[in-house]
Amino acid sequence: MKGTKFQLKVWKYLKTIPKGTVKTYKEVAIAIKSPKSSRAVANACGKNLYAPKIPCHRVIRSDGKIGGYSGRGGIKTKHSLLRSEKIDI
């Protein structure tokens, strides 16, 4: 897998988020012991070349909005993936 040390750390954590669950970028930052790096987490999600295998679609903004999606189809696909997991955003 190709990415920076930080990206790999974020992506490794994303794989632990259970299907049907969402986390915020801030919650991910806290979980990886880098609590002030929510923007960097969002950037790492944006650089995820392995979506949806690495499920960055399960990460949303703190305000409850969907945020971006790096996988094929962009936001529309992120909505579809979340709906398929019974997550209503």
C-alpha atoms as a PDB file:
ATOM      1  CA  MET A   1       0.000   0.000   0.000  1.00  0.00           C
ATOM      2  CA  LYS A   2       1.340   3.393  -0.988  1.00  0.00           C
ATOM      3  CA  GLY A   3       0.947   6.521   1.172  1.00  0.00           C
ATOM      4  CA  THR A   4       2.644   8.650   3.804  1.00  0.00           C
ATOM      5  CA  LYS A   5       3.167   7.331   7.323  1.00  0.00           C
ATOM      6  CA  PHE A   6       0.246   9.475   8.521  1.00  0.00           C
ATOM      7  CA  GLN A   7      -2.047   8.372   5.669  1.00  0.00           C
ATOM      8  CA  LEU A   8      -1.275   4.720   6.377  1.00  0.00           C
ATOM      9  CA  LYS A   9      -2.099   5.262  10.062  1.00  0.00           C
ATOM     10  CA  VAL A  10      -5.449   6.859   9.149  1.00  0.00           C
ATOM     11  CA  TRP A  11      -6.288   4.182   6.568  1.00  0.00           C
ATOM     12  CA  LYS A  12      -5.432   1.399   9.017  1.00  0.00           C
ATOM     13  CA  TYR A  13      -7.872   2.916  11.509  1.00  0.00           C
ATOM     14  CA  LEU A  14     -10.594   3.355   8.862  1.00  0.00           C
ATOM     15  CA  LYS A  15     -10.549  -0.405   8.292  1.00  0.00           C
ATOM     16  CA  THR A  16     -11.649  -0.865  11.930  1.00  0.00           C
ATOM     17  CA  ILE A  17     -14.835   1.216  11.557  1.00  0.00           C
ATOM     18  CA  PRO A  18     -17.661  -1.339  11.459  1.00  0.00           C
ATOM     19  CA  LYS A  19     -20.109  -1.492   8.594  1.00  0.00           C
ATOM     20  CA  GLY A  20     -23.179   0.601   9.412  1.00  0.00           C
ATOM     21  CA  THR A  21     -21.192   3.024  11.584  1.00  0.00           C
ATOM     22  CA  VAL A  22     -19.844   6.496  10.902  1.00  0.00           C
ATOM     23  CA  LYS A  23     -17.129   8.490  12.631  1.00  0.00           C
ATOM     24  CA  THR A  24     -16.218  12.137  12.255  1.00  0.00           C
ATOM     25  CA  TYR A  25     -12.829  13.282  11.030  1.00  0.00           C
ATOM     26  CA  LYS A  26     -12.238  14.590  14.573  1.00  0.00           C
ATOM     27  CA  GLU A  27     -13.135  11.218  16.143  1.00  0.00           C
ATOM     28  CA  VAL A  28     -10.668   9.525  13.821  1.00  0.00           C
ATOM     29  CA  ALA A  29      -7.975  12.082  14.726  1.00  0.00           C
ATOM     30  CA  ILE A  30      -8.543  11.416  18.439  1.00  0.00           C
ATOM     31  CA  ALA A  31      -8.552   7.641  17.895  1.00  0.00           C
ATOM     32  CA  ILE A  32      -5.156   7.726  16.173  1.00  0.00           C
ATOM     33  CA  LYS A  33      -3.736   9.849  19.033  1.00  0.00           C
ATOM     34  CA  SER A  34      -3.468  12.992  16.937  1.00  0.00           C
ATOM     35  CA  PRO A  35      -6.422  15.015  18.297  1.00  0.00           C
ATOM     36  CA  LYS A  36      -5.652  18.285  16.497  1.00  0.00           C
ATOM     37  CA  SER A  37      -5.305  16.732  13.069  1.00  0.00           C
ATOM     38  CA  SER A  38      -8.907  16.415  11.875  1.00  0.00           C
ATOM     39  CA  ARG A  39      -8.102  18.390   8.699  1.00  0.00           C
ATOM     40  CA  ALA A  40      -5.132  16.132   8.021  1.00  0.00           C
ATOM     41  CA  VAL A  41      -7.411  13.117   8.538  1.00  0.00           C
ATOM     42  CA  ALA A  42      -9.821  14.581   5.974  1.00  0.00           C
ATOM     43  CA  ASN A  43      -6.919  15.074   3.563  1.00  0.00           C
ATOM     44  CA  ALA A  44      -5.748  11.486   4.126  1.00  0.00           C
ATOM     45  CA  CYS A  45      -9.271  10.274   3.353  1.00  0.00           C
ATOM     46  CA  GLY A  46      -9.197  12.385   0.194  1.00  0.00           C
ATOM     47  CA  LYS A  47      -5.958  10.714  -0.887  1.00  0.00           C
ATOM     48  CA  ASN A  48      -7.330   7.208  -0.292  1.00  0.00           C
ATOM     49  CA  LEU A  49      -6.750   5.335  -3.554  1.00  0.00           C
ATOM     50  CA  TYR A  50      -8.230   2.163  -2.077  1.00  0.00           C
ATOM     51  CA  ALA A  51     -11.863   3.224  -1.590  1.00  0.00           C
ATOM     52  CA  PRO A  52     -14.203   1.528  -0.825  1.00  0.00           C
ATOM     53  CA  LYS A  53     -11.903  -1.311   0.324  1.00  0.00           C
ATOM     54  CA  ILE A  54     -10.564   1.169   2.867  1.00  0.00           C
ATOM     55  CA  PRO A  55     -13.926   2.606   3.929  1.00  0.00           C
ATOM     56  CA  CYS A  56     -13.359   6.354   4.016  1.00  0.00           C
ATOM     57  CA  HIS A  57     -17.055   6.678   3.133  1.00  0.00           C
ATOM     58  CA  ARG A  58     -17.743   5.987   6.817  1.00  0.00           C
ATOM     59  CA  VAL A  59     -16.118   9.268   7.863  1.00  0.00           C
ATOM     60  CA  ILE A  60     -18.183  12.458   7.923  1.00  0.00           C
ATOM     61  CA  ARG A  61     -17.844  16.057   9.060  1.00  0.00           C
ATOM     62  CA  SER A  62     -18.472  17.061  12.691  1.00  0.00           C
ATOM     63  CA  ASP A  63     -21.492  19.100  11.605  1.00  0.00           C
ATOM     64  CA  GLY A  64     -23.138  15.918  10.310  1.00  0.00           C
ATOM     65  CA  LYS A  65     -22.607  16.773   6.636  1.00  0.00           C
ATOM     66  CA  ILE A  66     -21.228  14.106   4.390  1.00  0.00           C
ATOM     67  CA  GLY A  67     -17.882  15.665   3.420  1.00  0.00           C
ATOM     68  CA  GLY A  68     -16.002  14.540   0.340  1.00  0.00           C
ATOM     69  CA  TYR A  69     -15.319  11.155  -1.213  1.00  0.00           C
ATOM     70  CA  SER A  70     -12.230  10.137  -3.177  1.00  0.00           C
ATOM     71  CA  GLY A  71     -13.697   6.998  -4.687  1.00  0.00           C
ATOM     72  CA  ARG A  72     -15.216   6.654  -8.132  1.00  0.00           C
ATOM     73  CA  GLY A  73     -18.455   8.603  -8.414  1.00  0.00           C
ATOM     74  CA  GLY A  74     -17.628  11.070  -5.627  1.00  0.00           C
ATOM     75  CA  ILE A  75     -20.318  12.227  -3.195  1.00  0.00           C
ATOM     76  CA  LYS A  76     -23.086  10.389  -5.040  1.00  0.00           C
ATOM     77  CA  THR A  77     -21.288   7.083  -4.473  1.00  0.00           C
ATOM     78  CA  LYS A  78     -20.592   7.968  -0.822  1.00  0.00           C
ATOM     79  CA  HIS A  79     -24.330   8.532  -0.300  1.00  0.00           C
ATOM     80  CA  SER A  80     -25.113   5.201  -1.976  1.00  0.00           C
ATOM     81  CA  LEU A  81     -22.546   3.308   0.102  1.00  0.00           C
ATOM     82  CA  LEU A  82     -23.863   4.814   3.335  1.00  0.00           C
ATOM     83  CA  ARG A  83     -27.474   4.040   2.372  1.00  0.00           C
ATOM     84  CA  SER A  84     -26.495   0.445   1.545  1.00  0.00           C
ATOM     85  CA  GLU A  85     -25.146   0.187   5.116  1.00  0.00           C
ATOM     86  CA  LYS A  86     -28.438   1.564   6.516  1.00  0.00           C
ATOM     87  CA  ILE A  87     -26.883   4.904   7.464  1.00  0.00           C
ATOM     88  CA  ASP A  88     -29.161   7.851   6.841  1.00  0.00           C
ATOM     89  CA  ILE A  89     -27.244  11.084   6.291  1.00  0.00           C
END
